[in-house]
Amino acid sequence: MTLSLTLIFLLNNQLRENRGLKTESDGVESAIEYHETKNAELGNRIQFLESKIDEYEAKFSEEKTLVFELKTENNLLKQQVQELKNGNRTQALALEQKNSEILVLKNELLKYFQEAKVQP
């Protein structure tokens, strides 16, 4: 009988220990499921963010191309403005030269009229 009581006592202790381990096991399984769910959510979030990064990189690349095109166009316009300024300077010099020639001709004409008045 003592053996039976000892066995019952040991089996009862073992049963309590097994129930405790089962409770811990259930808790661990719940924690694992929670973390697996969180990992899946984070994986989805990472994929979303990676797609956003790709989107922003594509926009950045487009804008870099646009900036390059605008700089090229700006340089071309600067060159055209410089050519127009050079043309204006050339015309201004030519106009100044013509004005000088007109002054010389006026002076010669005045001189001619003065000489014509002086002669009897």
PDB file of N, CA and C in Angstrom:
ATOM      1  N   MET A   1       0.810  -1.172   0.000  1.00  0.00           N
ATOM      2  CA  MET A   1       0.000   0.000   0.000  1.00  0.00           C
ATOM      3  C   MET A   1       0.872   1.261   0.000  1.00  0.00           C
ATOM      4  N   THR A   2       1.943   1.211   0.714  1.00  0.00           N
ATOM      5  CA  THR A   2       2.852   2.342   0.780  1.00  0.00           C
ATOM      6  C   THR A   2       3.430   2.611  -0.614  1.00  0.00           C
ATOM      7  N   LEU A   3       3.662   1.526  -1.290  1.00  0.00           N
ATOM      8  CA  LEU A   3       4.184   1.671  -2.647  1.00  0.00           C
ATOM      9  C   LEU A   3       3.147   2.349  -3.530  1.00  0.00           C
ATOM     10  N   SER A   4       1.883   1.969  -3.350  1.00  0.00           N
ATOM     11  CA  SER A   4       0.803   2.565  -4.135  1.00  0.00           C
ATOM     12  C   SER A   4       0.670   4.045  -3.805  1.00  0.00           C
ATOM     13  N   LEU A   5       0.746   4.385  -2.530  1.00  0.00           N
ATOM     14  CA  LEU A   5       0.629   5.787  -2.134  1.00  0.00           C
ATOM     15  C   LEU A   5       1.819   6.591  -2.657  1.00  0.00           C
ATOM     16  N   THR A   6       2.956   5.977  -2.596  1.00  0.00           N
ATOM     17  CA  THR A   6       4.151   6.659  -3.103  1.00  0.00           C
ATOM     18  C   THR A   6       4.011   6.887  -4.608  1.00  0.00           C
ATOM     19  N   LEU A   7       3.530   5.841  -5.308  1.00  0.00           N
ATOM     20  CA  LEU A   7       3.340   5.978  -6.757  1.00  0.00           C
ATOM     21  C   LEU A   7       2.282   7.039  -7.064  1.00  0.00           C
ATOM     22  N   ILE A   8       1.185   7.023  -6.294  1.00  0.00           N
ATOM     23  CA  ILE A   8       0.130   8.019  -6.507  1.00  0.00           C
ATOM     24  C   ILE A   8       0.689   9.417  -6.248  1.00  0.00           C
ATOM     25  N   PHE A   9       1.455   9.544  -5.175  1.00  0.00           N
ATOM     26  CA  PHE A   9       2.047  10.834  -4.840  1.00  0.00           C
ATOM     27  C   PHE A   9       2.982  11.298  -5.967  1.00  0.00           C
ATOM     28  N   LEU A  10       3.837  10.396  -6.438  1.00  0.00           N
ATOM     29  CA  LEU A  10       4.783  10.732  -7.513  1.00  0.00           C
ATOM     30  C   LEU A  10       4.045  11.053  -8.808  1.00  0.00           C
ATOM     31  N   LEU A  11       3.033  10.240  -9.112  1.00  0.00           N
ATOM     32  CA  LEU A  11       2.272  10.487 -10.341  1.00  0.00           C
ATOM     33  C   LEU A  11       1.507  11.805 -10.247  1.00  0.00           C
ATOM     34  N   ASN A  12       0.979  12.107  -9.071  1.00  0.00           N
ATOM     35  CA  ASN A  12       0.269  13.364  -8.859  1.00  0.00           C
ATOM     36  C   ASN A  12       1.221  14.547  -9.038  1.00  0.00           C
ATOM     37  N   ASN A  13       2.415  14.431  -8.460  1.00  0.00           N
ATOM     38  CA  ASN A  13       3.431  15.489  -8.642  1.00  0.00           C
ATOM     39  C   ASN A  13       3.825  15.617 -10.117  1.00  0.00           C
ATOM     40  N   GLN A  14       3.984  14.474 -10.765  1.00  0.00           N
ATOM     41  CA  GLN A  14       4.343  14.473 -12.184  1.00  0.00           C
ATOM     42  C   GLN A  14       3.226  15.121 -13.008  1.00  0.00           C
ATOM     43  N   LEU A  15       1.958  14.810 -12.649  1.00  0.00           N
ATOM     44  CA  LEU A  15       0.817  15.396 -13.349  1.00  0.00           C
ATOM     45  C   LEU A  15       0.811  16.914 -13.185  1.00  0.00           C
ATOM     46  N   ARG A  16       1.047  17.412 -11.965  1.00  0.00           N
ATOM     47  CA  ARG A  16       1.109  18.859 -11.727  1.00  0.00           C
ATOM     48  C   ARG A  16       2.248  19.495 -12.522  1.00  0.00           C
ATOM     49  N   GLU A  17       3.380  18.811 -12.517  1.00  0.00           N
ATOM     50  CA  GLU A  17       4.533  19.325 -13.272  1.00  0.00           C
ATOM     51  C   GLU A  17       4.213  19.356 -14.758  1.00  0.00           C
ATOM     52  N   ASN A  18       3.568  18.293 -15.254  1.00  0.00           N
ATOM     53  CA  ASN A  18       3.199  18.241 -16.674  1.00  0.00           C
ATOM     54  C   ASN A  18       2.198  19.343 -17.022  1.00  0.00           C
ATOM     55  N   ARG A  19       1.219  19.587 -16.117  1.00  0.00           N
ATOM     56  CA  ARG A  19       0.247  20.662 -16.358  1.00  0.00           C
ATOM     57  C   ARG A  19       0.958  22.022 -16.387  1.00  0.00           C
ATOM     58  N   GLY A  20       1.896  22.214 -15.494  1.00  0.00           N
ATOM     59  CA  GLY A  20       2.673  23.463 -15.481  1.00  0.00           C
ATOM     60  C   GLY A  20       3.464  23.623 -16.776  1.00  0.00           C
ATOM     61  N   LEU A  21       4.091  22.515 -17.203  1.00  0.00           N
ATOM     62  CA  LEU A  21       4.849  22.558 -18.461  1.00  0.00           C
ATOM     63  C   LEU A  21       3.925  22.807 -19.644  1.00  0.00           C
ATOM     64  N   LYS A  22       2.713  22.220 -19.599  1.00  0.00           N
ATOM     65  CA  LYS A  22       1.730  22.422 -20.670  1.00  0.00           C
ATOM     66  C   LYS A  22       1.324  23.888 -20.720  1.00  0.00           C
ATOM     67  N   THR A  23       1.100  24.502 -19.555  1.00  0.00           N
ATOM     68  CA  THR A  23       0.744  25.924 -19.493  1.00  0.00           C
ATOM     69  C   THR A  23       1.880  26.771 -20.062  1.00  0.00           C
ATOM     70  N   GLU A  24       3.112  26.450 -19.669  1.00  0.00           N
ATOM     71  CA  GLU A  24       4.275  27.168 -20.212  1.00  0.00           C
ATOM     72  C   GLU A  24       4.371  26.967 -21.709  1.00  0.00           C
ATOM     73  N   SER A  25       4.154  25.736 -22.157  1.00  0.00           N
ATOM     74  CA  SER A  25       4.214  25.417 -23.581  1.00  0.00           C
ATOM     75  C   SER A  25       3.168  26.216 -24.354  1.00  0.00           C
ATOM     76  N   ASP A  26       1.951  26.300 -23.802  1.00  0.00           N
ATOM     77  CA  ASP A  26       0.900  27.091 -24.455  1.00  0.00           C
ATOM     78  C   ASP A  26       1.302  28.560 -24.532  1.00  0.00           C
ATOM     79  N   GLY A  27       1.888  29.064 -23.454  1.00  0.00           N
ATOM     80  CA  GLY A  27       2.350  30.454 -23.441  1.00  0.00           C
ATOM     81  C   GLY A  27       3.437  30.688 -24.471  1.00  0.00           C
ATOM     82  N   VAL A  28       4.361  29.737 -24.561  1.00  0.00           N
ATOM     83  CA  VAL A  28       5.450  29.850 -25.539  1.00  0.00           C
ATOM     84  C   VAL A  28       4.887  29.796 -26.950  1.00  0.00           C
ATOM     85  N   GLU A  29       3.929  28.893 -27.194  1.00  0.00           N
ATOM     86  CA  GLU A  29       3.310  28.802 -28.521  1.00  0.00           C
ATOM     87  C   GLU A  29       2.596  30.102 -28.873  1.00  0.00           C
ATOM     88  N   SER A  30       1.906  30.689 -27.897  1.00  0.00           N
ATOM     89  CA  SER A  30       1.231  31.977 -28.134  1.00  0.00           C
ATOM     90  C   SER A  30       2.255  33.057 -28.459  1.00  0.00           C
ATOM     91  N   ALA A  31       3.355  33.059 -27.722  1.00  0.00           N
ATOM     92  CA  ALA A  31       4.405  34.050 -27.968  1.00  0.00           C
ATOM     93  C   ALA A  31       5.000  33.857 -29.357  1.00  0.00           C
ATOM     94  N   ILE A  32       5.216  32.592 -29.731  1.00  0.00           N
ATOM     95  CA  ILE A  32       5.766  32.303 -31.063  1.00  0.00           C
ATOM     96  C   ILE A  32       4.802  32.783 -32.137  1.00  0.00           C
ATOM     97  N   GLU A  33       3.510  32.489 -31.976  1.00  0.00           N
ATOM     98  CA  GLU A  33       2.513  32.936 -32.953  1.00  0.00           C
ATOM     99  C   GLU A  33       2.478  34.458 -33.033  1.00  0.00           C
ATOM    100  N   TYR A  34       2.542  35.112 -31.867  1.00  0.00           N
ATOM    101  CA  TYR A  34       2.539  36.576 -31.835  1.00  0.00           C
ATOM    102  C   TYR A  34       3.736  37.125 -32.612  1.00  0.00           C
ATOM    103  N   HIS A  35       4.919  36.568 -32.341  1.00  0.00           N
ATOM    104  CA  HIS A  35       6.127  37.062 -33.006  1.00  0.00           C
ATOM    105  C   HIS A  35       6.132  36.715 -34.489  1.00  0.00           C
ATOM    106  N   GLU A  36       5.582  35.561 -34.853  1.00  0.00           N
ATOM    107  CA  GLU A  36       5.479  35.228 -36.274  1.00  0.00           C
ATOM    108  C   GLU A  36       4.552  36.209 -36.984  1.00  0.00           C
ATOM    109  N   THR A  37       3.442  36.555 -36.326  1.00  0.00           N
ATOM    110  CA  THR A  37       2.515  37.544 -36.892  1.00  0.00           C
ATOM    111  C   THR A  37       3.204  38.895 -37.028  1.00  0.00           C
ATOM    112  N   LYS A  38       3.916  39.294 -35.973  1.00  0.00           N
ATOM    113  CA  LYS A  38       4.637  40.573 -36.013  1.00  0.00           C
ATOM    114  C   LYS A  38       5.701  40.564 -37.108  1.00  0.00           C
ATOM    115  N   ASN A  39       6.424  39.447 -37.237  1.00  0.00           N
ATOM    116  CA  ASN A  39       7.441  39.336 -38.285  1.00  0.00           C
ATOM    117  C   ASN A  39       6.809  39.454 -39.666  1.00  0.00           C
ATOM    118  N   ALA A  40       5.644  38.812 -39.853  1.00  0.00           N
ATOM    119  CA  ALA A  40       4.950  38.907 -41.139  1.00  0.00           C
ATOM    120  C   ALA A  40       4.520  40.349 -41.410  1.00  0.00           C
ATOM    121  N   GLU A  41       3.984  41.013 -40.369  1.00  0.00           N
ATOM    122  CA  GLU A  41       3.585  42.415 -40.518  1.00  0.00           C
ATOM    123  C   GLU A  41       4.787  43.285 -40.861  1.00  0.00           C
ATOM    124  N   LEU A  42       5.892  43.059 -40.161  1.00  0.00           N
ATOM    125  CA  LEU A  42       7.107  43.836 -40.439  1.00  0.00           C
ATOM    126  C   LEU A  42       7.644  43.533 -41.831  1.00  0.00           C
ATOM    127  N   GLY A  43       7.525  42.270 -42.252  1.00  0.00           N
ATOM    128  CA  GLY A  43       7.945  41.915 -43.611  1.00  0.00           C
ATOM    129  C   GLY A  43       7.125  42.673 -44.643  1.00  0.00           C
ATOM    130  N   ASN A  44       5.812  42.745 -44.418  1.00  0.00           N
ATOM    131  CA  ASN A  44       4.949  43.506 -45.327  1.00  0.00           C
ATOM    132  C   ASN A  44       5.311  44.987 -45.312  1.00  0.00           C
ATOM    133  N   ARG A  45       5.585  45.503 -44.123  1.00  0.00           N
ATOM    134  CA  ARG A  45       5.965  46.918 -43.992  1.00  0.00           C
ATOM    135  C   ARG A  45       7.285  47.185 -44.716  1.00  0.00           C
ATOM    136  N   ILE A  46       8.218  46.258 -44.572  1.00  0.00           N
ATOM    137  CA  ILE A  46       9.510  46.405 -45.256  1.00  0.00           C
ATOM    138  C   ILE A  46       9.312  46.398 -46.764  1.00  0.00           C
ATOM    139  N   GLN A  47       8.485  45.487 -47.273  1.00  0.00           N
ATOM    140  CA  GLN A  47       8.217  45.445 -48.715  1.00  0.00           C
ATOM    141  C   GLN A  47       7.588  46.752 -49.182  1.00  0.00           C
ATOM    142  N   PHE A  48       6.639  47.265 -48.394  1.00  0.00           N
ATOM    143  CA  PHE A  48       5.997  48.531 -48.736  1.00  0.00           C
ATOM    144  C   PHE A  48       7.030  49.655 -48.794  1.00  0.00           C
ATOM    145  N   LEU A  49       7.890  49.709 -47.764  1.00  0.00           N
ATOM    146  CA  LEU A  49       8.904  50.764 -47.717  1.00  0.00           C
ATOM    147  C   LEU A  49       9.923  50.611 -48.840  1.00  0.00           C
ATOM    148  N   GLU A  50      10.281  49.370 -49.172  1.00  0.00           N
ATOM    149  CA  GLU A  50      11.204  49.155 -50.287  1.00  0.00           C
ATOM    150  C   GLU A  50      10.585  49.618 -51.598  1.00  0.00           C
ATOM    151  N   SER A  51       9.289  49.369 -51.777  1.00  0.00           N
ATOM    152  CA  SER A  51       8.632  49.840 -53.002  1.00  0.00           C
ATOM    153  C   SER A  51       8.588  51.365 -53.027  1.00  0.00           C
ATOM    154  N   LYS A  52       8.384  51.985 -51.847  1.00  0.00           N
ATOM    155  CA  LYS A  52       8.409  53.448 -51.774  1.00  0.00           C
ATOM    156  C   LYS A  52       9.801  53.983 -52.109  1.00  0.00           C
ATOM    157  N   ILE A  53      10.819  53.307 -51.592  1.00  0.00           N
ATOM    158  CA  ILE A  53      12.198  53.719 -51.888  1.00  0.00           C
ATOM    159  C   ILE A  53      12.445  53.633 -53.389  1.00  0.00           C
ATOM    160  N   ASP A  54      12.015  52.536 -54.013  1.00  0.00           N
ATOM    161  CA  ASP A  54      12.170  52.396 -55.464  1.00  0.00           C
ATOM    162  C   ASP A  54      11.441  53.520 -56.198  1.00  0.00           C
ATOM    163  N   GLU A  55      10.249  53.841 -55.710  1.00  0.00           N
ATOM    164  CA  GLU A  55       9.457  54.914 -56.315  1.00  0.00           C
ATOM    165  C   GLU A  55      10.191  56.245 -56.200  1.00  0.00           C
ATOM    166  N   TYR A  56      10.718  56.539 -54.995  1.00  0.00           N
ATOM    167  CA  TYR A  56      11.444  57.791 -54.794  1.00  0.00           C
ATOM    168  C   TYR A  56      12.735  57.829 -55.612  1.00  0.00           C
ATOM    169  N   GLU A  57      13.410  56.699 -55.725  1.00  0.00           N
ATOM    170  CA  GLU A  57      14.629  56.659 -56.537  1.00  0.00           C
ATOM    171  C   GLU A  57      14.303  56.919 -58.000  1.00  0.00           C
ATOM    172  N   ALA A  58      13.179  56.381 -58.478  1.00  0.00           N
ATOM    173  CA  ALA A  58      12.769  56.625 -59.863  1.00  0.00           C
ATOM    174  C   ALA A  58      12.457  58.109 -60.067  1.00  0.00           C
ATOM    175  N   LYS A  59      11.733  58.712 -59.112  1.00  0.00           N
ATOM    176  CA  LYS A  59      11.423  60.144 -59.207  1.00  0.00           C
ATOM    177  C   LYS A  59      12.704  60.966 -59.164  1.00  0.00           C
ATOM    178  N   PHE A  60      13.621  60.586 -58.280  1.00  0.00           N
ATOM    179  CA  PHE A  60      14.889  61.303 -58.159  1.00  0.00           C
ATOM    180  C   PHE A  60      15.659  61.239 -59.474  1.00  0.00           C
ATOM    181  N   SER A  61      15.664  60.059 -60.084  1.00  0.00           N
ATOM    182  CA  SER A  61      16.355  59.887 -61.360  1.00  0.00           C
ATOM    183  C   SER A  61      15.715  60.759 -62.441  1.00  0.00           C
ATOM    184  N   GLU A  62      14.379  60.779 -62.471  1.00  0.00           N
ATOM    185  CA  GLU A  62      13.673  61.623 -63.439  1.00  0.00           C
ATOM    186  C   GLU A  62      14.015  63.090 -63.217  1.00  0.00           C
ATOM    187  N   GLU A  63      14.045  63.500 -61.952  1.00  0.00           N
ATOM    188  CA  GLU A  63      14.336  64.898 -61.653  1.00  0.00           C
ATOM    189  C   GLU A  63      15.785  65.246 -61.977  1.00  0.00           C
ATOM    190  N   LYS A  64      16.705  64.303 -61.760  1.00  0.00           N
ATOM    191  CA  LYS A  64      18.099  64.545 -62.145  1.00  0.00           C
ATOM    192  C   LYS A  64      18.194  64.753 -63.650  1.00  0.00           C
ATOM    193  N   THR A  65      17.454  63.927 -64.408  1.00  0.00           N
ATOM    194  CA  THR A  65      17.444  64.063 -65.863  1.00  0.00           C
ATOM    195  C   THR A  65      16.873  65.418 -66.252  1.00  0.00           C
ATOM    196  N   LEU A  66      15.778  65.807 -65.604  1.00  0.00           N
ATOM    197  CA  LEU A  66      15.155  67.099 -65.892  1.00  0.00           C
ATOM    198  C   LEU A  66      16.106  68.244 -65.552  1.00  0.00           C
ATOM    199  N   VAL A  67      16.791  68.158 -64.420  1.00  0.00           N
ATOM    200  CA  VAL A  67      17.752  69.196 -64.033  1.00  0.00           C
ATOM    201  C   VAL A  67      18.862  69.290 -65.076  1.00  0.00           C
ATOM    202  N   PHE A  68      19.350  68.134 -65.539  1.00  0.00           N
ATOM    203  CA  PHE A  68      20.396  68.137 -66.566  1.00  0.00           C
ATOM    204  C   PHE A  68      19.890  68.815 -67.832  1.00  0.00           C
ATOM    205  N   GLU A  69      18.648  68.462 -68.248  1.00  0.00           N
ATOM    206  CA  GLU A  69      18.082  69.068 -69.454  1.00  0.00           C
ATOM    207  C   GLU A  69      17.916  70.573 -69.281  1.00  0.00           C
ATOM    208  N   LEU A  70      17.443  70.994 -68.097  1.00  0.00           N
ATOM    209  CA  LEU A  70      17.259  72.424 -67.847  1.00  0.00           C
ATOM    210  C   LEU A  70      18.595  73.164 -67.820  1.00  0.00           C
ATOM    211  N   LYS A  71      19.618  72.537 -67.229  1.00  0.00           N
ATOM    212  CA  LYS A  71      20.943  73.170 -67.222  1.00  0.00           C
ATOM    213  C   LYS A  71      21.476  73.302 -68.642  1.00  0.00           C
ATOM    214  N   THR A  72      21.259  72.261 -69.446  1.00  0.00           N
ATOM    215  CA  THR A  72      21.704  72.305 -70.839  1.00  0.00           C
ATOM    216  C   THR A  72      20.989  73.425 -71.583  1.00  0.00           C
ATOM    217  N   GLU A  73      19.669  73.504 -71.393  1.00  0.00           N
ATOM    218  CA  GLU A  73      18.886  74.561 -72.043  1.00  0.00           C
ATOM    219  C   GLU A  73      19.324  75.933 -71.542  1.00  0.00           C
ATOM    220  N   ASN A  74      19.583  76.048 -70.236  1.00  0.00           N
ATOM    221  CA  ASN A  74      20.042  77.305 -69.657  1.00  0.00           C
ATOM    222  C   ASN A  74      21.379  77.728 -70.270  1.00  0.00           C
ATOM    223  N   ASN A  75      22.290  76.779 -70.410  1.00  0.00           N
ATOM    224  CA  ASN A  75      23.591  77.089 -71.018  1.00  0.00           C
ATOM    225  C   ASN A  75      23.422  77.548 -72.459  1.00  0.00           C
ATOM    226  N   LEU A  76      22.518  76.887 -73.192  1.00  0.00           N
ATOM    227  CA  LEU A  76      22.258  77.272 -74.577  1.00  0.00           C
ATOM    228  C   LEU A  76      21.692  78.689 -74.629  1.00  0.00           C
ATOM    229  N   LEU A  77      20.749  78.990 -73.730  1.00  0.00           N
ATOM    230  CA  LEU A  77      20.169  80.335 -73.696  1.00  0.00           C
ATOM    231  C   LEU A  77      21.218  81.382 -73.313  1.00  0.00           C
ATOM    232  N   LYS A  78      22.095  81.047 -72.368  1.00  0.00           N
ATOM    233  CA  LYS A  78      23.177  81.973 -72.001  1.00  0.00           C
ATOM    234  C   LYS A  78      24.069  82.251 -73.206  1.00  0.00           C
ATOM    235  N   GLN A  79      24.356  81.188 -73.960  1.00  0.00           N
ATOM    236  CA  GLN A  79      25.189  81.343 -75.149  1.00  0.00           C
ATOM    237  C   GLN A  79      24.487  82.244 -76.170  1.00  0.00           C
ATOM    238  N   GLN A  80      23.176  82.042 -76.354  1.00  0.00           N
ATOM    239  CA  GLN A  80      22.432  82.874 -77.298  1.00  0.00           C
ATOM    240  C   GLN A  80      22.393  84.327 -76.834  1.00  0.00           C
ATOM    241  N   VAL A  81      22.218  84.541 -75.528  1.00  0.00           N
ATOM    242  CA  VAL A  81      22.223  85.904 -74.984  1.00  0.00           C
ATOM    243  C   VAL A  81      23.582  86.552 -75.227  1.00  0.00           C
ATOM    244  N   GLN A  82      24.648  85.793 -74.994  1.00  0.00           N
ATOM    245  CA  GLN A  82      25.992  86.330 -75.215  1.00  0.00           C
ATOM    246  C   GLN A  82      26.191  86.686 -76.687  1.00  0.00           C
ATOM    247  N   GLU A  83      25.692  85.830 -77.582  1.00  0.00           N
ATOM    248  CA  GLU A  83      25.798  86.118 -79.016  1.00  0.00           C
ATOM    249  C   GLU A  83      25.028  87.394 -79.363  1.00  0.00           C
ATOM    250  N   LEU A  84      23.836  87.566 -78.762  1.00  0.00           N
ATOM    251  CA  LEU A  84      23.057  88.781 -79.011  1.00  0.00           C
ATOM    252  C   LEU A  84      23.785  90.011 -78.470  1.00  0.00           C
ATOM    253  N   LYS A  85      24.390  89.887 -77.285  1.00  0.00           N
ATOM    254  CA  LYS A  85      25.154  91.006 -76.723  1.00  0.00           C
ATOM    255  C   LYS A  85      26.326  91.364 -77.635  1.00  0.00           C
ATOM    256  N   ASN A  86      27.008  90.321 -78.122  1.00  0.00           N
ATOM    257  CA  ASN A  86      28.130  90.568 -79.038  1.00  0.00           C
ATOM    258  C   ASN A  86      27.636  91.250 -80.307  1.00  0.00           C
ATOM    259  N   GLY A  87      26.487  90.797 -80.818  1.00  0.00           N
ATOM    260  CA  GLY A  87      25.905  91.427 -82.007  1.00  0.00           C
ATOM    261  C   GLY A  87      25.545  92.878 -81.735  1.00  0.00           C
ATOM    262  N   ASN A  88      24.985  93.150 -80.562  1.00  0.00           N
ATOM    263  CA  ASN A  88      24.645  94.528 -80.197  1.00  0.00           C
ATOM    264  C   ASN A  88      25.898  95.391 -80.108  1.00  0.00           C
ATOM    265  N   ARG A  89      26.966  94.836 -79.510  1.00  0.00           N
ATOM    266  CA  ARG A  89      28.226  95.590 -79.420  1.00  0.00           C
ATOM    267  C   ARG A  89      28.767  95.894 -80.814  1.00  0.00           C
ATOM    268  N   THR A  90      28.699  94.896 -81.680  1.00  0.00           N
ATOM    269  CA  THR A  90      29.185  95.083 -83.053  1.00  0.00           C
ATOM    270  C   THR A  90      28.373  96.169 -83.751  1.00  0.00           C
ATOM    271  N   GLN A  91      27.047  96.110 -83.583  1.00  0.00           N
ATOM    272  CA  GLN A  91      26.194  97.131 -84.199  1.00  0.00           C
ATOM    273  C   GLN A  91      26.461  98.505 -83.595  1.00  0.00           C
ATOM    274  N   ALA A  92      26.669  98.551 -82.274  1.00  0.00           N
ATOM    275  CA  ALA A  92      26.951  99.832 -81.619  1.00  0.00           C
ATOM    276  C   ALA A  92      28.262 100.414 -82.137  1.00  0.00           C
ATOM    277  N   LEU A  93      29.274  99.560 -82.305  1.00  0.00           N
ATOM    278  CA  LEU A  93      30.555 100.038 -82.847  1.00  0.00           C
ATOM    279  C   LEU A  93      30.386 100.523 -84.282  1.00  0.00           C
ATOM    280  N   ALA A  94      29.616  99.777 -85.070  1.00  0.00           N
ATOM    281  CA  ALA A  94      29.385 100.182 -86.459  1.00  0.00           C
ATOM    282  C   ALA A  94      28.626 101.507 -86.495  1.00  0.00           C
ATOM    283  N   LEU A  95      27.642 101.671 -85.623  1.00  0.00           N
ATOM    284  CA  LEU A  95      26.869 102.903 -85.558  1.00  0.00           C
ATOM    285  C   LEU A  95      27.759 104.065 -85.128  1.00  0.00           C
ATOM    286  N   GLU A  96      28.623 103.810 -84.165  1.00  0.00           N
ATOM    287  CA  GLU A  96      29.553 104.848 -83.710  1.00  0.00           C
ATOM    288  C   GLU A  96      30.483 105.262 -84.850  1.00  0.00           C
ATOM    289  N   GLN A  97      30.935 104.280 -85.607  1.00  0.00           N
ATOM    290  CA  GLN A  97      31.812 104.570 -86.744  1.00  0.00           C
ATOM    291  C   GLN A  97      31.065 105.400 -87.789  1.00  0.00           C
ATOM    292  N   LYS A  98      29.805 105.032 -88.056  1.00  0.00           N
ATOM    293  CA  LYS A  98      29.007 105.793 -89.036  1.00  0.00           C
ATOM    294  C   LYS A  98      28.794 107.220 -88.536  1.00  0.00           C
ATOM    295  N   ASN A  99      28.513 107.359 -87.220  1.00  0.00           N
ATOM    296  CA  ASN A  99      28.351 108.707 -86.658  1.00  0.00           C
ATOM    297  C   ASN A  99      29.630 109.523 -86.822  1.00  0.00           C
ATOM    298  N   SER A 100      30.766 108.878 -86.601  1.00  0.00           N
ATOM    299  CA  SER A 100      32.052 109.576 -86.786  1.00  0.00           C
ATOM    300  C   SER A 100      32.221 109.994 -88.242  1.00  0.00           C
ATOM    301  N   GLU A 101      31.878 109.099 -89.156  1.00  0.00           N
ATOM    302  CA  GLU A 101      31.988 109.420 -90.588  1.00  0.00           C
ATOM    303  C   GLU A 101      31.052 110.573 -90.949  1.00  0.00           C
ATOM    304  N   ILE A 102      29.828 110.565 -90.363  1.00  0.00           N
ATOM    305  CA  ILE A 102      28.876 111.645 -90.633  1.00  0.00           C
ATOM    306  C   ILE A 102      29.427 112.968 -90.111  1.00  0.00           C
ATOM    307  N   LEU A 103      30.033 112.942 -88.904  1.00  0.00           N
ATOM    308  CA  LEU A 103      30.626 114.165 -88.352  1.00  0.00           C
ATOM    309  C   LEU A 103      31.746 114.686 -89.248  1.00  0.00           C
ATOM    310  N   VAL A 104      32.562 113.778 -89.739  1.00  0.00           N
ATOM    311  CA  VAL A 104      33.655 114.185 -90.637  1.00  0.00           C
ATOM    312  C   VAL A 104      33.069 114.819 -91.894  1.00  0.00           C
ATOM    313  N   LEU A 105      32.028 114.176 -92.455  1.00  0.00           N
ATOM    314  CA  LEU A 105      31.407 114.726 -93.665  1.00  0.00           C
ATOM    315  C   LEU A 105      30.741 116.075 -93.385  1.00  0.00           C
ATOM    316  N   LYS A 106      30.103 116.223 -92.198  1.00  0.00           N
ATOM    317  CA  LYS A 106      29.491 117.501 -91.829  1.00  0.00           C
ATOM    318  C   LYS A 106      30.550 118.591 -91.743  1.00  0.00           C
ATOM    319  N   ASN A 107      31.652 118.226 -91.077  1.00  0.00           N
ATOM    320  CA  ASN A 107      32.735 119.210 -90.937  1.00  0.00           C
ATOM    321  C   ASN A 107      33.287 119.600 -92.302  1.00  0.00           C
ATOM    322  N   GLU A 108      33.443 118.637 -93.186  1.00  0.00           N
ATOM    323  CA  GLU A 108      33.937 118.946 -94.533  1.00  0.00           C
ATOM    324  C   GLU A 108      32.933 119.817 -95.282  1.00  0.00           C
ATOM    325  N   LEU A 109      31.629 119.506 -95.093  1.00  0.00           N
ATOM    326  CA  LEU A 109      30.588 120.287 -95.767  1.00  0.00           C
ATOM    327  C   LEU A 109      30.559 121.718 -95.227  1.00  0.00           C
ATOM    328  N   LEU A 110      30.670 121.867 -93.898  1.00  0.00           N
ATOM    329  CA  LEU A 110      30.715 123.205 -93.306  1.00  0.00           C
ATOM    330  C   LEU A 110      31.930 123.981 -93.808  1.00  0.00           C
ATOM    331  N   LYS A 111      33.037 123.284 -93.861  1.00  0.00           N
ATOM    332  CA  LYS A 111      34.267 123.905 -94.348  1.00  0.00           C
ATOM    333  C   LYS A 111      34.088 124.351 -95.810  1.00  0.00           C
ATOM    334  N   TYR A 112      33.438 123.503 -96.582  1.00  0.00           N
ATOM    335  CA  TYR A 112      33.203 123.809 -98.002  1.00  0.00           C
ATOM    336  C   TYR A 112      32.310 125.040 -98.130  1.00  0.00           C
ATOM    337  N   PHE A 113      31.211 125.100 -97.312  1.00  0.00           N
ATOM    338  CA  PHE A 113      30.302 126.243 -97.377  1.00  0.00           C
ATOM    339  C   PHE A 113      30.993 127.514 -96.901  1.00  0.00           C
ATOM    340  N   GLN A 114      31.840 127.394 -95.889  1.00  0.00           N
ATOM    341  CA  GLN A 114      32.561 128.575 -95.409  1.00  0.00           C
ATOM    342  C   GLN A 114      33.527 129.078 -96.475  1.00  0.00           C
ATOM    343  N   GLU A 115      34.178 128.139 -97.135  1.00  0.00           N
ATOM    344  CA  GLU A 115      35.103 128.539 -98.198  1.00  0.00           C
ATOM    345  C   GLU A 115      34.329 129.139 -99.362  1.00  0.00           C
ATOM    346  N   ALA A 116      33.119 128.597 -99.603  1.00  0.00           N
ATOM    347  CA  ALA A 116      32.317 129.103-100.713  1.00  0.00           C
ATOM    348  C   ALA A 116      31.831 130.521-100.403  1.00  0.00           C
ATOM    349  N   LYS A 117      31.551 130.848 -99.159  1.00  0.00           N
ATOM    350  CA  LYS A 117      31.110 132.183 -98.773  1.00  0.00           C
ATOM    351  C   LYS A 117      32.255 133.187 -98.848  1.00  0.00           C
ATOM    352  N   VAL A 118      33.409 132.758 -98.517  1.00  0.00           N
ATOM    353  CA  VAL A 118      34.569 133.640 -98.469  1.00  0.00           C
ATOM    354  C   VAL A 118      34.997 134.014 -99.882  1.00  0.00           C
ATOM    355  N   GLN A 119      34.866 133.172-100.830  1.00  0.00           N
ATOM    356  CA  GLN A 119      35.299 133.454-102.196  1.00  0.00           C
ATOM    357  C   GLN A 119      34.309 134.413-102.867  1.00  0.00           C
ATOM    358  N   PRO A 120      34.822 135.433-103.537  1.00  0.00           N
ATOM    359  CA  PRO A 120      33.931 136.395-104.190  1.00  0.00           C
ATOM    360  C   PRO A 120      33.387 135.937-105.510  1.00  0.00           C
TER     361      PRO A 120
END
